[in-house]
């Protein structure tokens, strides 16, 4: 399911117009992004939580040349599914 299909499904389930559903989805993504940028965790009870993990710097290899390169440290967004979501999928 891509973003436009998600907007259509949200509009159908909620009774909102597609424009309102798209606006709500964009606002949700913006709020989650801003919270993660600020170093906060976003927990949606029953669904899951979004958080930031820190990756340490490490060595890697260039696939084209085989040369050893340094991969810098970085922050990565992560999602951990909640129990209700896991149970619904299984």
C-alpha atoms as a PDB file:
ATOM      1  CA  UNK A   1       0.000   0.000   0.000  1.00  0.00           C
ATOM      2  CA  UNK A   2       1.434   3.360  -0.982  1.00  0.00           C
ATOM      3  CA  UNK A   3       0.593   6.805   0.422  1.00  0.00           C
ATOM      4  CA  UNK A   4      -2.286   7.567  -1.962  1.00  0.00           C
ATOM      5  CA  UNK A   5      -3.868   4.174  -1.293  1.00  0.00           C
ATOM      6  CA  UNK A   6      -3.506   4.811   2.446  1.00  0.00           C
ATOM      7  CA  UNK A   7      -5.193   8.217   2.079  1.00  0.00           C
ATOM      8  CA  UNK A   8      -8.058   6.591   0.155  1.00  0.00           C
ATOM      9  CA  UNK A   9      -8.492   3.906   2.825  1.00  0.00           C
ATOM     10  CA  UNK A  10      -8.391   6.502   5.616  1.00  0.00           C
ATOM     11  CA  UNK A  11     -11.008   8.625   3.846  1.00  0.00           C
ATOM     12  CA  UNK A  12     -13.269   5.613   3.332  1.00  0.00           C
ATOM     13  CA  UNK A  13     -12.995   4.389   6.951  1.00  0.00           C
ATOM     14  CA  UNK A  14     -13.332   7.796   8.606  1.00  0.00           C
ATOM     15  CA  UNK A  15     -15.870   9.447   6.331  1.00  0.00           C
ATOM     16  CA  UNK A  16     -13.471  12.337   5.699  1.00  0.00           C
ATOM     17  CA  UNK A  17     -12.797  13.742   2.269  1.00  0.00           C
ATOM     18  CA  UNK A  18      -9.623  12.577   0.567  1.00  0.00           C
ATOM     19  CA  UNK A  19      -8.197  16.090   0.978  1.00  0.00           C
ATOM     20  CA  UNK A  20      -8.851  16.044   4.745  1.00  0.00           C
ATOM     21  CA  UNK A  21      -7.456  12.517   5.097  1.00  0.00           C
ATOM     22  CA  UNK A  22      -4.301  13.509   3.202  1.00  0.00           C
ATOM     23  CA  UNK A  23      -3.944  16.586   5.404  1.00  0.00           C
ATOM     24  CA  UNK A  24      -4.340  14.470   8.552  1.00  0.00           C
ATOM     25  CA  UNK A  25      -1.781  11.915   7.339  1.00  0.00           C
ATOM     26  CA  UNK A  26       0.726  14.641   6.424  1.00  0.00           C
ATOM     27  CA  UNK A  27       0.233  16.291   9.827  1.00  0.00           C
ATOM     28  CA  UNK A  28       0.817  12.945  11.597  1.00  0.00           C
ATOM     29  CA  UNK A  29       4.019  12.321   9.647  1.00  0.00           C
ATOM     30  CA  UNK A  30       5.236  15.875  10.362  1.00  0.00           C
ATOM     31  CA  UNK A  31       4.559  15.562  14.103  1.00  0.00           C
ATOM     32  CA  UNK A  32       6.340  12.192  14.324  1.00  0.00           C
ATOM     33  CA  UNK A  33       9.303  13.525  12.307  1.00  0.00           C
ATOM     34  CA  UNK A  34       9.610  16.642  14.479  1.00  0.00           C
ATOM     35  CA  UNK A  35       9.453  14.587  17.683  1.00  0.00           C
ATOM     36  CA  UNK A  36      12.153  12.185  16.460  1.00  0.00           C
ATOM     37  CA  UNK A  37      14.349  15.123  15.414  1.00  0.00           C
ATOM     38  CA  UNK A  38      14.003  16.482  18.954  1.00  0.00           C
ATOM     39  CA  UNK A  39      15.135  13.118  20.369  1.00  0.00           C
ATOM     40  CA  UNK A  40      11.714  12.152  21.698  1.00  0.00           C
ATOM     41  CA  UNK A  41       9.970   8.790  21.403  1.00  0.00           C
ATOM     42  CA  UNK A  42       6.455   8.597  19.953  1.00  0.00           C
ATOM     43  CA  UNK A  43       4.398   5.790  21.505  1.00  0.00           C
ATOM     44  CA  UNK A  44       0.984   4.843  20.130  1.00  0.00           C
ATOM     45  CA  UNK A  45      -0.464   2.433  22.679  1.00  0.00           C
ATOM     46  CA  UNK A  46      -1.367  -0.881  21.086  1.00  0.00           C
ATOM     47  CA  UNK A  47       0.136   0.072  17.726  1.00  0.00           C
ATOM     48  CA  UNK A  48       3.825   0.608  18.444  1.00  0.00           C
ATOM     49  CA  UNK A  49       6.502   3.179  19.079  1.00  0.00           C
ATOM     50  CA  UNK A  50       8.835   5.240  16.934  1.00  0.00           C
ATOM     51  CA  UNK A  51      12.283   6.011  18.310  1.00  0.00           C
ATOM     52  CA  UNK A  52      15.780   6.959  17.204  1.00  0.00           C
ATOM     53  CA  UNK A  53      18.688   4.528  17.426  1.00  0.00           C
ATOM     54  CA  UNK A  54      22.319   5.553  17.221  1.00  0.00           C
ATOM     55  CA  UNK A  55      24.634   3.681  14.860  1.00  0.00           C
ATOM     56  CA  UNK A  56      28.329   3.835  15.658  1.00  0.00           C
ATOM     57  CA  UNK A  57      30.941   4.629  13.023  1.00  0.00           C
ATOM     58  CA  UNK A  58      32.299   1.522  11.332  1.00  0.00           C
ATOM     59  CA  UNK A  59      34.383   0.261   8.460  1.00  0.00           C
ATOM     60  CA  UNK A  60      32.790  -0.995   5.280  1.00  0.00           C
ATOM     61  CA  UNK A  61      33.814  -1.971   1.770  1.00  0.00           C
ATOM     62  CA  UNK A  62      33.016  -0.268  -1.490  1.00  0.00           C
ATOM     63  CA  UNK A  63      31.151  -2.842  -3.614  1.00  0.00           C
ATOM     64  CA  UNK A  64      32.721  -1.568  -6.830  1.00  0.00           C
ATOM     65  CA  UNK A  65      36.385  -1.322  -5.814  1.00  0.00           C
ATOM     66  CA  UNK A  66      36.584  -3.448  -2.678  1.00  0.00           C
ATOM     67  CA  UNK A  67      38.313  -0.514  -0.974  1.00  0.00           C
ATOM     68  CA  UNK A  68      37.859  -0.157   2.802  1.00  0.00           C
ATOM     69  CA  UNK A  69      35.858   2.995   3.639  1.00  0.00           C
ATOM     70  CA  UNK A  70      34.755   4.665   6.874  1.00  0.00           C
ATOM     71  CA  UNK A  71      31.006   4.777   7.412  1.00  0.00           C
ATOM     72  CA  UNK A  72      30.191   7.686   9.742  1.00  0.00           C
ATOM     73  CA  UNK A  73      28.045   7.448  12.884  1.00  0.00           C
ATOM     74  CA  UNK A  74      24.403   8.380  12.356  1.00  0.00           C
ATOM     75  CA  UNK A  75      20.969   8.408  13.919  1.00  0.00           C
ATOM     76  CA  UNK A  76      18.371   6.084  12.395  1.00  0.00           C
ATOM     77  CA  UNK A  77      14.604   6.119  12.888  1.00  0.00           C
ATOM     78  CA  UNK A  78      13.147   2.823  14.088  1.00  0.00           C
ATOM     79  CA  UNK A  79       9.693   1.380  14.769  1.00  0.00           C
ATOM     80  CA  UNK A  80       8.832  -1.304  17.290  1.00  0.00           C
ATOM     81  CA  UNK A  81       5.406  -2.914  16.850  1.00  0.00           C
ATOM     82  CA  UNK A  82       3.111  -3.125  19.873  1.00  0.00           C
ATOM     83  CA  UNK A  83       1.424  -6.274  21.157  1.00  0.00           C
ATOM     84  CA  UNK A  84      -1.992  -5.510  19.659  1.00  0.00           C
ATOM     85  CA  UNK A  85      -0.478  -4.961  16.199  1.00  0.00           C
ATOM     86  CA  UNK A  86       1.639  -8.118  16.452  1.00  0.00           C
ATOM     87  CA  UNK A  87      -1.401 -10.162  17.514  1.00  0.00           C
ATOM     88  CA  UNK A  88      -3.504  -8.742  14.676  1.00  0.00           C
ATOM     89  CA  UNK A  89      -0.896  -9.727  12.087  1.00  0.00           C
ATOM     90  CA  UNK A  90      -0.406 -13.255  13.423  1.00  0.00           C
END
